[in-house]
């Protein structure tokens, strides 16, 4: 399917790009080419005000290395659980919750299709994410279901890390000063609880883009430089119109769900296996770009 070109994604004057770090990031295109807007920086929309991000943060489990290696005490259990036992318990809790959430959102979206003939791309994204998390939690470990293993520092490790020790050097504690007095005295953004929360959110949200692109088949899109990151194999037939507008297409491996193993596994097809139709479109695009100025290429859209 050739995606229709959305000219809004190249609207570079939308906000002051010198003032905000994230303004070049537009967001995502779903499989139908509909835009998921994350163009506003943190604090002005985007992740801060998008409930889809809350859904992702709520269900994305990343391993605490200390818990995984040393186990953890859980209320109602006589002895500490090992890391894998603890993850199995989490999966059991979330499995039924996600099953119900998936049934409800499918009903809601089916009702919208029936009565309005369409659903918003954000509702589609919510359903896709819930299905993704439901698949991951079918495994006895979310990370195993995810197909990748990552760890996060616990609070003690974070306290002794350069992240926080540099703050203590900048705002040293007075002799005998307790934590409550110290936190009252320093800027809120440098308080330990806020910094640790921010550290976890940054790590988890780094997986947001990878999940949408590799696992759900969405396409990440940026204005400067004009870049689309995708796991789509047929990039020339899919992004024909975007490539004509000088977008660079970056392809990363796709993750497919293995029902038998209850986990996502990497699938990466070589460019050498592309069908002849893709190679013909590639040559056609290159010829148009070589002979026609970008301002006149719209007449060649497919």
C-alpha atoms as a PDB file:
ATOM      1  CA  UNK A   1       0.000   0.000   0.000  1.00  0.00           C
ATOM      2  CA  UNK A   2       1.420   3.393  -1.030  1.00  0.00           C
ATOM      3  CA  UNK A   3       0.979   5.906   1.776  1.00  0.00           C
ATOM      4  CA  UNK A   4      -0.497   9.271   0.886  1.00  0.00           C
ATOM      5  CA  UNK A   5       1.945  12.115   1.535  1.00  0.00           C
ATOM      6  CA  UNK A   6       0.931  14.302   4.490  1.00  0.00           C
ATOM      7  CA  UNK A   7       2.401  17.768   3.875  1.00  0.00           C
ATOM      8  CA  UNK A   8       1.944  18.729   7.545  1.00  0.00           C
ATOM      9  CA  UNK A   9       4.870  16.507   8.506  1.00  0.00           C
ATOM     10  CA  UNK A  10       7.273  18.939   6.818  1.00  0.00           C
ATOM     11  CA  UNK A  11       5.789  22.024   8.475  1.00  0.00           C
ATOM     12  CA  UNK A  12       9.067  23.065  10.054  1.00  0.00           C
ATOM     13  CA  UNK A  13       7.685  26.369  11.347  1.00  0.00           C
ATOM     14  CA  UNK A  14       5.138  24.772  13.649  1.00  0.00           C
ATOM     15  CA  UNK A  15       7.043  25.799  16.793  1.00  0.00           C
ATOM     16  CA  UNK A  16      10.337  27.465  17.629  1.00  0.00           C
ATOM     17  CA  UNK A  17      12.795  24.649  17.042  1.00  0.00           C
ATOM     18  CA  UNK A  18      15.664  26.498  18.715  1.00  0.00           C
ATOM     19  CA  UNK A  19      13.813  26.540  22.031  1.00  0.00           C
ATOM     20  CA  UNK A  20      12.739  22.917  22.270  1.00  0.00           C
ATOM     21  CA  UNK A  21      14.718  19.724  21.924  1.00  0.00           C
ATOM     22  CA  UNK A  22      12.026  17.449  20.509  1.00  0.00           C
ATOM     23  CA  UNK A  23      10.296  19.633  17.930  1.00  0.00           C
ATOM     24  CA  UNK A  24      11.842  17.897  14.910  1.00  0.00           C
ATOM     25  CA  UNK A  25      10.125  14.649  15.893  1.00  0.00           C
ATOM     26  CA  UNK A  26       6.700  14.491  14.287  1.00  0.00           C
ATOM     27  CA  UNK A  27       5.527  11.189  15.692  1.00  0.00           C
ATOM     28  CA  UNK A  28       4.325   8.128  13.832  1.00  0.00           C
ATOM     29  CA  UNK A  29       2.371   6.967  10.810  1.00  0.00           C
ATOM     30  CA  UNK A  30       0.227   3.880  11.243  1.00  0.00           C
ATOM     31  CA  UNK A  31      -0.192   1.223   8.563  1.00  0.00           C
ATOM     32  CA  UNK A  32      -2.830   3.352   6.809  1.00  0.00           C
ATOM     33  CA  UNK A  33      -0.589   6.423   6.811  1.00  0.00           C
ATOM     34  CA  UNK A  34      -2.592   8.185   9.550  1.00  0.00           C
ATOM     35  CA  UNK A  35      -0.506  10.462  11.749  1.00  0.00           C
ATOM     36  CA  UNK A  36       0.034   9.907  15.477  1.00  0.00           C
ATOM     37  CA  UNK A  37       1.134  13.364  16.576  1.00  0.00           C
ATOM     38  CA  UNK A  38       4.008  13.572  19.058  1.00  0.00           C
ATOM     39  CA  UNK A  39       5.426  16.775  17.582  1.00  0.00           C
ATOM     40  CA  UNK A  40       5.006  18.867  20.717  1.00  0.00           C
ATOM     41  CA  UNK A  41       7.908  18.651  23.181  1.00  0.00           C
ATOM     42  CA  UNK A  42       7.650  17.155  26.645  1.00  0.00           C
ATOM     43  CA  UNK A  43       5.706  19.595  28.816  1.00  0.00           C
ATOM     44  CA  UNK A  44       3.758  21.020  25.868  1.00  0.00           C
ATOM     45  CA  UNK A  45       1.834  17.923  24.852  1.00  0.00           C
ATOM     46  CA  UNK A  46       3.195  14.822  23.196  1.00  0.00           C
ATOM     47  CA  UNK A  47       4.171  12.289  25.822  1.00  0.00           C
ATOM     48  CA  UNK A  48       3.014  14.430  28.756  1.00  0.00           C
ATOM     49  CA  UNK A  49      -0.608  14.725  27.645  1.00  0.00           C
ATOM     50  CA  UNK A  50      -1.125  11.614  25.541  1.00  0.00           C
ATOM     51  CA  UNK A  51      -2.985   8.871  27.460  1.00  0.00           C
ATOM     52  CA  UNK A  52      -1.431   6.272  25.158  1.00  0.00           C
ATOM     53  CA  UNK A  53       1.897   7.004  26.847  1.00  0.00           C
ATOM     54  CA  UNK A  54       0.330   6.352  30.251  1.00  0.00           C
ATOM     55  CA  UNK A  55      -0.891   2.986  28.959  1.00  0.00           C
ATOM     56  CA  UNK A  56       2.610   2.127  27.750  1.00  0.00           C
ATOM     57  CA  UNK A  57       4.331   3.185  30.977  1.00  0.00           C
ATOM     58  CA  UNK A  58       1.783   1.283  33.084  1.00  0.00           C
ATOM     59  CA  UNK A  59       2.361  -2.071  31.369  1.00  0.00           C
ATOM     60  CA  UNK A  60       5.973  -1.952  30.196  1.00  0.00           C
ATOM     61  CA  UNK A  61       7.936  -3.985  32.749  1.00  0.00           C
ATOM     62  CA  UNK A  62      11.701  -3.586  32.818  1.00  0.00           C
ATOM     63  CA  UNK A  63      13.857  -5.691  35.092  1.00  0.00           C
ATOM     64  CA  UNK A  64      15.373  -4.367  38.297  1.00  0.00           C
ATOM     65  CA  UNK A  65      18.758  -6.118  38.208  1.00  0.00           C
ATOM     66  CA  UNK A  66      18.959  -6.412  41.993  1.00  0.00           C
ATOM     67  CA  UNK A  67      15.478  -7.981  42.226  1.00  0.00           C
ATOM     68  CA  UNK A  68      16.201 -10.346  39.344  1.00  0.00           C
ATOM     69  CA  UNK A  69      19.489 -11.558  40.834  1.00  0.00           C
ATOM     70  CA  UNK A  70      18.656 -11.515  44.559  1.00  0.00           C
ATOM     71  CA  UNK A  71      14.901 -12.071  44.717  1.00  0.00           C
ATOM     72  CA  UNK A  72      12.293  -9.996  46.526  1.00  0.00           C
ATOM     73  CA  UNK A  73       9.918 -10.270  49.495  1.00  0.00           C
ATOM     74  CA  UNK A  74       6.258 -10.172  48.401  1.00  0.00           C
ATOM     75  CA  UNK A  75       3.318  -9.800  50.780  1.00  0.00           C
ATOM     76  CA  UNK A  76       1.498 -13.104  51.302  1.00  0.00           C
ATOM     77  CA  UNK A  77       4.543 -15.277  50.530  1.00  0.00           C
ATOM     78  CA  UNK A  78       6.507 -16.966  53.314  1.00  0.00           C
ATOM     79  CA  UNK A  79       9.871 -16.791  51.602  1.00  0.00           C
ATOM     80  CA  UNK A  80      11.457 -14.405  49.079  1.00  0.00           C
ATOM     81  CA  UNK A  81      10.606 -14.990  45.440  1.00  0.00           C
ATOM     82  CA  UNK A  82      13.356 -15.389  42.879  1.00  0.00           C
ATOM     83  CA  UNK A  83      13.470 -12.868  40.071  1.00  0.00           C
ATOM     84  CA  UNK A  84      11.738 -15.219  37.632  1.00  0.00           C
ATOM     85  CA  UNK A  85       9.118 -16.220  40.230  1.00  0.00           C
ATOM     86  CA  UNK A  86       8.379 -12.546  40.798  1.00  0.00           C
ATOM     87  CA  UNK A  87       8.051 -11.893  37.060  1.00  0.00           C
ATOM     88  CA  UNK A  88       5.752 -14.915  36.703  1.00  0.00           C
ATOM     89  CA  UNK A  89       3.531 -13.443  39.433  1.00  0.00           C
ATOM     90  CA  UNK A  90       3.393 -10.091  37.624  1.00  0.00           C
ATOM     91  CA  UNK A  91       2.485 -11.817  34.342  1.00  0.00           C
ATOM     92  CA  UNK A  92      -0.345 -13.728  36.024  1.00  0.00           C
ATOM     93  CA  UNK A  93      -1.752 -10.479  37.468  1.00  0.00           C
ATOM     94  CA  UNK A  94      -1.596  -8.554  34.200  1.00  0.00           C
ATOM     95  CA  UNK A  95      -2.765 -11.387  31.944  1.00  0.00           C
ATOM     96  CA  UNK A  96      -6.396 -11.332  33.046  1.00  0.00           C
ATOM     97  CA  UNK A  97      -6.456  -7.527  33.273  1.00  0.00           C
ATOM     98  CA  UNK A  98      -5.187  -7.170  29.705  1.00  0.00           C
ATOM     99  CA  UNK A  99      -7.544  -9.854  28.435  1.00  0.00           C
ATOM    100  CA  UNK A 100     -10.501  -7.839  29.753  1.00  0.00           C
ATOM    101  CA  UNK A 101      -9.047  -4.559  28.456  1.00  0.00           C
ATOM    102  CA  UNK A 102      -8.589  -6.100  25.001  1.00  0.00           C
ATOM    103  CA  UNK A 103     -12.149  -7.402  24.882  1.00  0.00           C
ATOM    104  CA  UNK A 104     -13.507  -3.987  25.914  1.00  0.00           C
ATOM    105  CA  UNK A 105     -11.482  -1.924  23.437  1.00  0.00           C
ATOM    106  CA  UNK A 106     -12.340  -4.298  20.591  1.00  0.00           C
ATOM    107  CA  UNK A 107     -16.030  -3.862  21.389  1.00  0.00           C
ATOM    108  CA  UNK A 108     -15.656  -0.064  21.580  1.00  0.00           C
ATOM    109  CA  UNK A 109     -13.750   0.146  18.296  1.00  0.00           C
ATOM    110  CA  UNK A 110     -16.179  -2.218  16.539  1.00  0.00           C
ATOM    111  CA  UNK A 111     -19.073  -0.018  17.701  1.00  0.00           C
ATOM    112  CA  UNK A 112     -17.305   3.070  16.320  1.00  0.00           C
ATOM    113  CA  UNK A 113     -16.711   1.372  12.971  1.00  0.00           C
ATOM    114  CA  UNK A 114     -20.356   0.342  12.790  1.00  0.00           C
ATOM    115  CA  UNK A 115     -21.832   3.748  13.680  1.00  0.00           C
ATOM    116  CA  UNK A 116     -19.268   6.191  12.288  1.00  0.00           C
ATOM    117  CA  UNK A 117     -17.483   4.037   9.682  1.00  0.00           C
ATOM    118  CA  UNK A 118     -14.103   4.885  11.201  1.00  0.00           C
ATOM    119  CA  UNK A 119     -12.071   5.008  14.387  1.00  0.00           C
ATOM    120  CA  UNK A 120      -9.367   7.466  15.321  1.00  0.00           C
ATOM    121  CA  UNK A 121      -5.721   6.470  14.823  1.00  0.00           C
ATOM    122  CA  UNK A 122      -5.230   6.935  18.566  1.00  0.00           C
ATOM    123  CA  UNK A 123      -7.929   4.355  19.384  1.00  0.00           C
ATOM    124  CA  UNK A 124      -6.301   1.982  16.896  1.00  0.00           C
ATOM    125  CA  UNK A 125      -2.957   2.547  18.597  1.00  0.00           C
ATOM    126  CA  UNK A 126      -4.419   1.799  22.025  1.00  0.00           C
ATOM    127  CA  UNK A 127      -5.842  -1.483  20.749  1.00  0.00           C
ATOM    128  CA  UNK A 128      -2.558  -2.408  19.051  1.00  0.00           C
ATOM    129  CA  UNK A 129      -0.615  -1.701  22.253  1.00  0.00           C
ATOM    130  CA  UNK A 130      -2.991  -3.682  24.460  1.00  0.00           C
ATOM    131  CA  UNK A 131      -2.719  -6.644  22.059  1.00  0.00           C
ATOM    132  CA  UNK A 132       1.075  -6.299  22.157  1.00  0.00           C
ATOM    133  CA  UNK A 133       1.196  -6.299  25.964  1.00  0.00           C
ATOM    134  CA  UNK A 134      -1.281  -9.179  26.151  1.00  0.00           C
ATOM    135  CA  UNK A 135       1.047 -11.210  23.898  1.00  0.00           C
ATOM    136  CA  UNK A 136       4.118 -10.380  26.016  1.00  0.00           C
ATOM    137  CA  UNK A 137       2.402 -11.306  29.278  1.00  0.00           C
ATOM    138  CA  UNK A 138       1.390 -14.715  27.887  1.00  0.00           C
ATOM    139  CA  UNK A 139       4.992 -15.628  28.658  1.00  0.00           C
ATOM    140  CA  UNK A 140       6.038 -16.248  32.265  1.00  0.00           C
ATOM    141  CA  UNK A 141       8.400 -13.275  31.972  1.00  0.00           C
ATOM    142  CA  UNK A 142       7.536 -10.003  30.225  1.00  0.00           C
ATOM    143  CA  UNK A 143      11.139  -9.498  29.098  1.00  0.00           C
ATOM    144  CA  UNK A 144      11.246 -12.992  27.612  1.00  0.00           C
ATOM    145  CA  UNK A 145       7.944 -12.322  25.832  1.00  0.00           C
ATOM    146  CA  UNK A 146       9.358  -9.016  24.610  1.00  0.00           C
ATOM    147  CA  UNK A 147      12.286 -10.912  23.123  1.00  0.00           C
ATOM    148  CA  UNK A 148      14.929  -8.647  24.652  1.00  0.00           C
ATOM    149  CA  UNK A 149      16.500  -8.324  28.104  1.00  0.00           C
ATOM    150  CA  UNK A 150      17.134  -4.967  29.745  1.00  0.00           C
ATOM    151  CA  UNK A 151      17.751  -3.898  33.329  1.00  0.00           C
ATOM    152  CA  UNK A 152      17.070  -0.750  35.303  1.00  0.00           C
ATOM    153  CA  UNK A 153      18.947   0.499  38.378  1.00  0.00           C
ATOM    154  CA  UNK A 154      17.129   0.230  41.684  1.00  0.00           C
ATOM    155  CA  UNK A 155      17.005   3.223  44.027  1.00  0.00           C
ATOM    156  CA  UNK A 156      20.187   2.298  45.903  1.00  0.00           C
ATOM    157  CA  UNK A 157      22.161   1.796  42.685  1.00  0.00           C
ATOM    158  CA  UNK A 158      20.820   5.059  41.305  1.00  0.00           C
ATOM    159  CA  UNK A 159      21.796   6.906  44.511  1.00  0.00           C
ATOM    160  CA  UNK A 160      25.430   5.805  44.097  1.00  0.00           C
ATOM    161  CA  UNK A 161      25.489   6.375  40.340  1.00  0.00           C
ATOM    162  CA  UNK A 162      27.094   9.429  38.672  1.00  0.00           C
ATOM    163  CA  UNK A 163      23.567  10.686  37.826  1.00  0.00           C
ATOM    164  CA  UNK A 164      22.803  11.481  41.441  1.00  0.00           C
ATOM    165  CA  UNK A 165      26.299  11.822  42.916  1.00  0.00           C
ATOM    166  CA  UNK A 166      26.919  14.791  40.617  1.00  0.00           C
ATOM    167  CA  UNK A 167      23.847  16.477  42.123  1.00  0.00           C
ATOM    168  CA  UNK A 168      25.193  15.896  45.639  1.00  0.00           C
ATOM    169  CA  UNK A 169      28.424  17.575  44.586  1.00  0.00           C
ATOM    170  CA  UNK A 170      26.492  20.543  43.189  1.00  0.00           C
ATOM    171  CA  UNK A 171      24.143  20.737  46.188  1.00  0.00           C
ATOM    172  CA  UNK A 172      26.050  19.114  49.088  1.00  0.00           C
ATOM    173  CA  UNK A 173      24.194  18.137  52.228  1.00  0.00           C
ATOM    174  CA  UNK A 174      24.932  20.102  55.361  1.00  0.00           C
ATOM    175  CA  UNK A 175      26.281  18.199  58.311  1.00  0.00           C
ATOM    176  CA  UNK A 176      23.434  16.482  60.158  1.00  0.00           C
ATOM    177  CA  UNK A 177      20.833  17.581  57.582  1.00  0.00           C
ATOM    178  CA  UNK A 178      18.000  15.071  57.091  1.00  0.00           C
ATOM    179  CA  UNK A 179      16.440  14.218  53.707  1.00  0.00           C
ATOM    180  CA  UNK A 180      13.251  16.247  54.218  1.00  0.00           C
ATOM    181  CA  UNK A 181      15.176  19.433  55.046  1.00  0.00           C
ATOM    182  CA  UNK A 182      17.608  18.824  52.197  1.00  0.00           C
ATOM    183  CA  UNK A 183      14.778  18.295  49.654  1.00  0.00           C
ATOM    184  CA  UNK A 184      13.085  21.497  50.838  1.00  0.00           C
ATOM    185  CA  UNK A 185      16.311  23.434  50.237  1.00  0.00           C
ATOM    186  CA  UNK A 186      17.284  22.240  46.726  1.00  0.00           C
ATOM    187  CA  UNK A 187      15.369  22.728  43.438  1.00  0.00           C
ATOM    188  CA  UNK A 188      12.546  20.188  43.053  1.00  0.00           C
ATOM    189  CA  UNK A 189      13.988  18.854  39.797  1.00  0.00           C
ATOM    190  CA  UNK A 190      17.083  17.667  41.680  1.00  0.00           C
ATOM    191  CA  UNK A 191      15.276  15.885  44.497  1.00  0.00           C
ATOM    192  CA  UNK A 192      16.054  12.176  44.574  1.00  0.00           C
ATOM    193  CA  UNK A 193      12.492  10.885  44.077  1.00  0.00           C
ATOM    194  CA  UNK A 194      11.924  13.119  41.067  1.00  0.00           C
ATOM    195  CA  UNK A 195      15.291  12.276  39.501  1.00  0.00           C
ATOM    196  CA  UNK A 196      14.787   8.531  39.935  1.00  0.00           C
ATOM    197  CA  UNK A 197      11.266   8.713  38.481  1.00  0.00           C
ATOM    198  CA  UNK A 198      12.564  10.757  35.537  1.00  0.00           C
ATOM    199  CA  UNK A 199      15.381   8.251  34.966  1.00  0.00           C
ATOM    200  CA  UNK A 200      12.901   5.351  34.796  1.00  0.00           C
ATOM    201  CA  UNK A 201      10.522   7.248  32.510  1.00  0.00           C
ATOM    202  CA  UNK A 202      13.305   8.134  30.070  1.00  0.00           C
ATOM    203  CA  UNK A 203      14.376   4.509  29.802  1.00  0.00           C
ATOM    204  CA  UNK A 204      10.845   3.174  29.387  1.00  0.00           C
ATOM    205  CA  UNK A 205       9.864   5.827  26.840  1.00  0.00           C
ATOM    206  CA  UNK A 206      12.972   5.018  24.819  1.00  0.00           C
ATOM    207  CA  UNK A 207      11.227   1.695  24.155  1.00  0.00           C
ATOM    208  CA  UNK A 208       8.054   3.441  22.977  1.00  0.00           C
ATOM    209  CA  UNK A 209       9.459   4.209  19.536  1.00  0.00           C
ATOM    210  CA  UNK A 210      11.061   0.764  19.157  1.00  0.00           C
ATOM    211  CA  UNK A 211       7.813  -0.949  20.151  1.00  0.00           C
ATOM    212  CA  UNK A 212       5.666   0.972  17.674  1.00  0.00           C
ATOM    213  CA  UNK A 213       8.123   0.519  14.814  1.00  0.00           C
ATOM    214  CA  UNK A 214       9.469  -3.001  15.334  1.00  0.00           C
ATOM    215  CA  UNK A 215       6.529  -4.733  17.004  1.00  0.00           C
ATOM    216  CA  UNK A 216       3.420  -2.911  15.746  1.00  0.00           C
ATOM    217  CA  UNK A 217       4.469  -1.998  12.201  1.00  0.00           C
ATOM    218  CA  UNK A 218       4.165   1.788  12.663  1.00  0.00           C
ATOM    219  CA  UNK A 219       6.592   4.221  11.064  1.00  0.00           C
ATOM    220  CA  UNK A 220       8.510   6.859  13.028  1.00  0.00           C
ATOM    221  CA  UNK A 221       8.860  10.176  11.207  1.00  0.00           C
ATOM    222  CA  UNK A 222      11.120  13.185  11.786  1.00  0.00           C
ATOM    223  CA  UNK A 223      11.322  16.560  10.035  1.00  0.00           C
ATOM    224  CA  UNK A 224      14.998  17.469  10.301  1.00  0.00           C
ATOM    225  CA  UNK A 225      16.618  15.591   8.757  1.00  0.00           C
ATOM    226  CA  UNK A 226      13.670  14.148   6.858  1.00  0.00           C
ATOM    227  CA  UNK A 227      13.730  10.584   8.127  1.00  0.00           C
ATOM    228  CA  UNK A 228      11.297   7.682   8.408  1.00  0.00           C
ATOM    229  CA  UNK A 229      12.272   4.688  10.526  1.00  0.00           C
ATOM    230  CA  UNK A 230      10.326   1.543   9.716  1.00  0.00           C
ATOM    231  CA  UNK A 231      10.363  -2.249   9.847  1.00  0.00           C
ATOM    232  CA  UNK A 232       8.433  -2.409   6.566  1.00  0.00           C
ATOM    233  CA  UNK A 233      10.211  -4.497   3.936  1.00  0.00           C
ATOM    234  CA  UNK A 234       8.640  -2.974   0.805  1.00  0.00           C
ATOM    235  CA  UNK A 235       9.871   0.547   1.420  1.00  0.00           C
ATOM    236  CA  UNK A 236       9.609   1.796  -2.184  1.00  0.00           C
ATOM    237  CA  UNK A 237       5.973   0.870  -2.697  1.00  0.00           C
ATOM    238  CA  UNK A 238       5.040   2.032   0.816  1.00  0.00           C
ATOM    239  CA  UNK A 239       6.956   5.327   0.991  1.00  0.00           C
ATOM    240  CA  UNK A 240       7.056   6.199  -2.707  1.00  0.00           C
ATOM    241  CA  UNK A 241       5.610   9.697  -2.155  1.00  0.00           C
ATOM    242  CA  UNK A 242       7.748  10.394   0.913  1.00  0.00           C
ATOM    243  CA  UNK A 243      10.956   9.402  -0.853  1.00  0.00           C
ATOM    244  CA  UNK A 244      10.007  11.810  -3.660  1.00  0.00           C
ATOM    245  CA  UNK A 245       9.951  14.474  -0.927  1.00  0.00           C
ATOM    246  CA  UNK A 246      13.542  13.623   0.017  1.00  0.00           C
ATOM    247  CA  UNK A 247      12.784  11.505   3.076  1.00  0.00           C
ATOM    248  CA  UNK A 248      15.476   8.993   3.964  1.00  0.00           C
ATOM    249  CA  UNK A 249      14.058   5.584   4.891  1.00  0.00           C
ATOM    250  CA  UNK A 250      15.834   3.701   7.689  1.00  0.00           C
ATOM    251  CA  UNK A 251      14.786   0.088   7.997  1.00  0.00           C
ATOM    252  CA  UNK A 252      15.228  -1.854  11.229  1.00  0.00           C
ATOM    253  CA  UNK A 253      14.427  -5.529  11.940  1.00  0.00           C
ATOM    254  CA  UNK A 254      10.802  -6.449  12.524  1.00  0.00           C
ATOM    255  CA  UNK A 255       9.713  -8.413  15.597  1.00  0.00           C
ATOM    256  CA  UNK A 256       7.059 -11.088  14.924  1.00  0.00           C
ATOM    257  CA  UNK A 257       5.064 -12.898  17.605  1.00  0.00           C
ATOM    258  CA  UNK A 258       5.681 -16.641  17.898  1.00  0.00           C
ATOM    259  CA  UNK A 259       2.457 -18.154  19.270  1.00  0.00           C
ATOM    260  CA  UNK A 260       4.103 -21.453  20.239  1.00  0.00           C
ATOM    261  CA  UNK A 261       6.977 -19.867  22.173  1.00  0.00           C
ATOM    262  CA  UNK A 262       4.818 -16.974  23.425  1.00  0.00           C
ATOM    263  CA  UNK A 263       7.474 -14.428  22.563  1.00  0.00           C
ATOM    264  CA  UNK A 264       8.491 -11.933  19.891  1.00  0.00           C
ATOM    265  CA  UNK A 265      11.376 -12.970  17.644  1.00  0.00           C
ATOM    266  CA  UNK A 266      13.416 -10.933  15.205  1.00  0.00           C
ATOM    267  CA  UNK A 267      12.713 -11.220  11.504  1.00  0.00           C
ATOM    268  CA  UNK A 268      14.929  -9.376   9.040  1.00  0.00           C
ATOM    269  CA  UNK A 269      14.593  -9.933   5.295  1.00  0.00           C
ATOM    270  CA  UNK A 270      17.510  -9.113   3.061  1.00  0.00           C
ATOM    271  CA  UNK A 271      17.259  -6.440   0.388  1.00  0.00           C
ATOM    272  CA  UNK A 272      18.441  -9.087  -2.055  1.00  0.00           C
ATOM    273  CA  UNK A 273      15.060 -10.832  -1.692  1.00  0.00           C
ATOM    274  CA  UNK A 274      12.999  -7.803  -2.748  1.00  0.00           C
ATOM    275  CA  UNK A 275      10.558  -8.484  -5.603  1.00  0.00           C
ATOM    276  CA  UNK A 276      11.269  -7.032  -9.053  1.00  0.00           C
ATOM    277  CA  UNK A 277       8.366  -4.596  -8.623  1.00  0.00           C
ATOM    278  CA  UNK A 278      10.176  -2.965  -5.702  1.00  0.00           C
ATOM    279  CA  UNK A 279      13.392  -2.609  -7.669  1.00  0.00           C
ATOM    280  CA  UNK A 280      11.501  -1.040 -10.600  1.00  0.00           C
ATOM    281  CA  UNK A 281       9.920   1.512  -8.229  1.00  0.00           C
ATOM    282  CA  UNK A 282      13.351   2.270  -6.791  1.00  0.00           C
ATOM    283  CA  UNK A 283      14.714   3.037 -10.265  1.00  0.00           C
ATOM    284  CA  UNK A 284      11.631   5.122 -11.097  1.00  0.00           C
ATOM    285  CA  UNK A 285      11.993   7.212  -7.939  1.00  0.00           C
ATOM    286  CA  UNK A 286      15.673   7.820  -8.560  1.00  0.00           C
ATOM    287  CA  UNK A 287      14.968   8.963 -12.122  1.00  0.00           C
ATOM    288  CA  UNK A 288      12.265  11.421 -11.009  1.00  0.00           C
ATOM    289  CA  UNK A 289      14.463  12.852  -8.252  1.00  0.00           C
ATOM    290  CA  UNK A 290      17.345  13.256 -10.671  1.00  0.00           C
ATOM    291  CA  UNK A 291      15.302  15.072 -13.345  1.00  0.00           C
ATOM    292  CA  UNK A 292      12.520  16.914 -11.470  1.00  0.00           C
ATOM    293  CA  UNK A 293      12.905  19.636  -8.802  1.00  0.00           C
ATOM    294  CA  UNK A 294      11.252  18.766  -5.476  1.00  0.00           C
ATOM    295  CA  UNK A 295       8.647  21.538  -5.874  1.00  0.00           C
ATOM    296  CA  UNK A 296       7.333  19.864  -9.059  1.00  0.00           C
ATOM    297  CA  UNK A 297       7.285  16.236  -7.928  1.00  0.00           C
ATOM    298  CA  UNK A 298       3.712  16.166  -6.567  1.00  0.00           C
ATOM    299  CA  UNK A 299       2.414  15.440 -10.091  1.00  0.00           C
ATOM    300  CA  UNK A 300       4.249  12.110  -9.932  1.00  0.00           C
ATOM    301  CA  UNK A 301       2.648  10.935  -6.696  1.00  0.00           C
ATOM    302  CA  UNK A 302       1.113   7.480  -6.750  1.00  0.00           C
END
